[in-house]
Amino acid sequence: MKRFNEYIEINTEKRFGKPIIKGTRISVYDVLSWLSNGMTREEIIHDYPELSEKQINDLFPDSKQVREFGRENSTDFEIFEHAKRNDFAIVTFDSDFCDLHILKGFPPKTIWI
């Protein structure tokens, strides 16, 4: 089991106390946002060399963007059902996925950021 405190810290002197990747000023939210918007790990590391591939892989194992599944043109419902069938969690800026839980229940897990 991974211990997230090996990689994440909260310091009120950095980023207003948001959880950040240790040794950086990069918030966990930033990395989730980049991944959910389709940046690859390689692009993130290129733009933010203070991050390592190991940090990203350990913090966000097996995370994928919908285009990696050929679902970039799918409806929210199709993505929801795909996540449910494959036991994926959905990380999204879109409140529609939370609304789908009201209609369809759980799983999949949804993280609304």
Protein backbone atom coordinates (compact mmCIF):
# COMPACT_ATOMS: atom_id res chain seq x y z
CA MET A 1 0.00 0.00 0.00
CA LYS A 2 1.30 3.41 -0.95
CA ARG A 3 1.75 6.00 1.75
CA PHE A 4 0.72 9.26 0.21
CA ASN A 5 2.49 11.27 2.91
CA GLU A 6 5.72 10.14 1.24
CA TYR A 7 4.78 12.32 -1.74
CA ILE A 8 2.27 14.89 -0.52
CA GLU A 9 2.61 17.62 2.07
CA ILE A 10 0.46 20.43 3.35
CA ASN A 11 2.35 23.57 4.24
CA THR A 12 0.46 26.78 4.95
CA GLU A 13 3.46 28.71 3.61
CA LYS A 14 3.05 27.16 0.15
CA ARG A 15 0.04 27.42 -2.17
CA PHE A 16 -2.25 28.60 0.66
CA GLY A 17 -2.09 25.21 2.39
CA LYS A 18 -3.29 23.16 -0.58
CA PRO A 19 -1.86 19.63 -0.76
CA ILE A 20 1.33 19.81 -2.84
CA ILE A 21 3.86 17.36 -4.20
CA LYS A 22 6.76 17.26 -1.71
CA GLY A 23 9.76 19.30 -2.73
CA THR A 24 7.73 21.42 -5.17
CA ARG A 25 5.10 24.14 -5.20
CA ILE A 26 2.92 22.02 -7.51
CA SER A 27 -0.47 21.15 -6.07
CA VAL A 28 -2.06 17.73 -6.33
CA TYR A 29 -5.02 19.52 -7.92
CA ASP A 30 -2.72 20.88 -10.66
CA VAL A 31 -1.47 17.41 -11.60
CA LEU A 32 -4.99 15.95 -11.55
CA SER A 33 -6.15 18.84 -13.70
CA TRP A 34 -3.37 18.32 -16.24
CA LEU A 35 -4.00 14.58 -16.44
CA SER A 36 -7.77 14.99 -16.75
CA ASN A 37 -7.29 17.58 -19.50
CA GLY A 38 -5.23 15.13 -21.52
CA MET A 39 -1.61 15.99 -20.75
CA THR A 40 0.62 12.95 -20.81
CA ARG A 41 3.04 12.20 -18.01
CA GLU A 42 5.87 12.98 -20.41
CA GLU A 43 4.41 16.42 -21.20
CA ILE A 44 3.97 17.19 -17.50
CA ILE A 45 7.57 16.18 -16.71
CA HIS A 46 8.83 18.21 -19.68
CA ASP A 47 6.97 21.31 -18.46
CA TYR A 48 7.68 20.69 -14.75
CA PRO A 49 11.05 18.92 -14.49
CA GLU A 50 10.91 19.12 -10.69
CA LEU A 51 8.38 16.26 -10.92
CA SER A 52 9.53 12.73 -11.57
CA GLU A 53 7.78 9.96 -13.44
CA LYS A 54 7.91 7.87 -10.25
CA GLN A 55 6.06 10.57 -8.28
CA ILE A 56 3.32 10.83 -10.87
CA ASN A 57 3.00 7.06 -11.32
CA ASP A 58 2.91 6.39 -7.59
CA LEU A 59 0.37 9.15 -6.89
CA PHE A 60 -1.85 8.53 -9.91
CA PRO A 61 -1.35 4.88 -10.90
CA ASP A 62 -3.08 3.72 -14.06
CA SER A 63 -4.75 7.08 -14.65
CA LYS A 64 -5.90 7.55 -18.23
CA GLN A 65 -7.59 10.27 -20.24
CA VAL A 66 -10.76 9.32 -22.16
CA ARG A 67 -9.01 9.74 -25.51
CA GLU A 68 -6.67 6.87 -24.55
CA PHE A 69 -9.75 4.63 -24.71
CA GLY A 70 -11.05 6.16 -27.94
CA ARG A 71 -13.89 7.82 -26.00
CA GLU A 72 -13.19 11.51 -26.66
CA ASN A 73 -16.47 11.80 -28.62
CA SER A 74 -18.54 9.67 -26.25
CA THR A 75 -21.45 11.00 -24.24
CA ASP A 76 -21.15 11.42 -20.49
CA PHE A 77 -23.43 8.40 -20.08
CA GLU A 78 -21.19 6.22 -22.29
CA ILE A 79 -18.10 7.28 -20.34
CA PHE A 80 -19.95 6.64 -17.06
CA GLU A 81 -20.94 3.13 -18.21
CA HIS A 82 -17.41 2.40 -19.49
CA ALA A 83 -15.98 3.40 -16.10
CA LYS A 84 -18.57 1.27 -14.33
CA ARG A 85 -17.84 -1.84 -16.45
CA ASN A 86 -14.08 -1.48 -16.00
CA ASP A 87 -14.06 -0.48 -12.32
CA PHE A 88 -12.55 2.95 -13.07
CA ALA A 89 -12.95 6.14 -11.09
CA ILE A 90 -13.82 9.32 -12.96
CA VAL A 91 -11.98 12.56 -12.19
CA THR A 92 -13.81 15.47 -13.76
CA PHE A 93 -14.60 19.16 -13.76
CA ASP A 94 -18.07 18.28 -15.08
CA SER A 95 -20.90 18.15 -12.52
CA ASP A 96 -22.95 16.08 -14.97
CA PHE A 97 -21.16 12.95 -13.77
CA CYS A 98 -22.31 13.67 -10.23
CA ASP A 99 -25.85 14.07 -11.57
CA LEU A 100 -25.57 10.66 -13.26
CA HIS A 101 -25.01 9.12 -9.84
CA ILE A 102 -28.41 10.41 -8.78
CA LEU A 103 -29.97 8.63 -11.76
CA LYS A 104 -27.79 5.52 -12.00
CA GLY A 105 -26.26 5.06 -8.54
CA PHE A 106 -22.77 3.79 -7.81
CA PRO A 107 -20.24 2.60 -9.01
CA PRO A 108 -18.22 4.21 -10.60
CA LYS A 109 -16.53 6.49 -8.14
CA THR A 110 -16.47 10.12 -9.27
CA ILE A 111 -14.15 12.85 -8.07
CA TRP A 112 -15.47 16.26 -9.00
CA ILE A 113 -12.72 18.89 -8.99
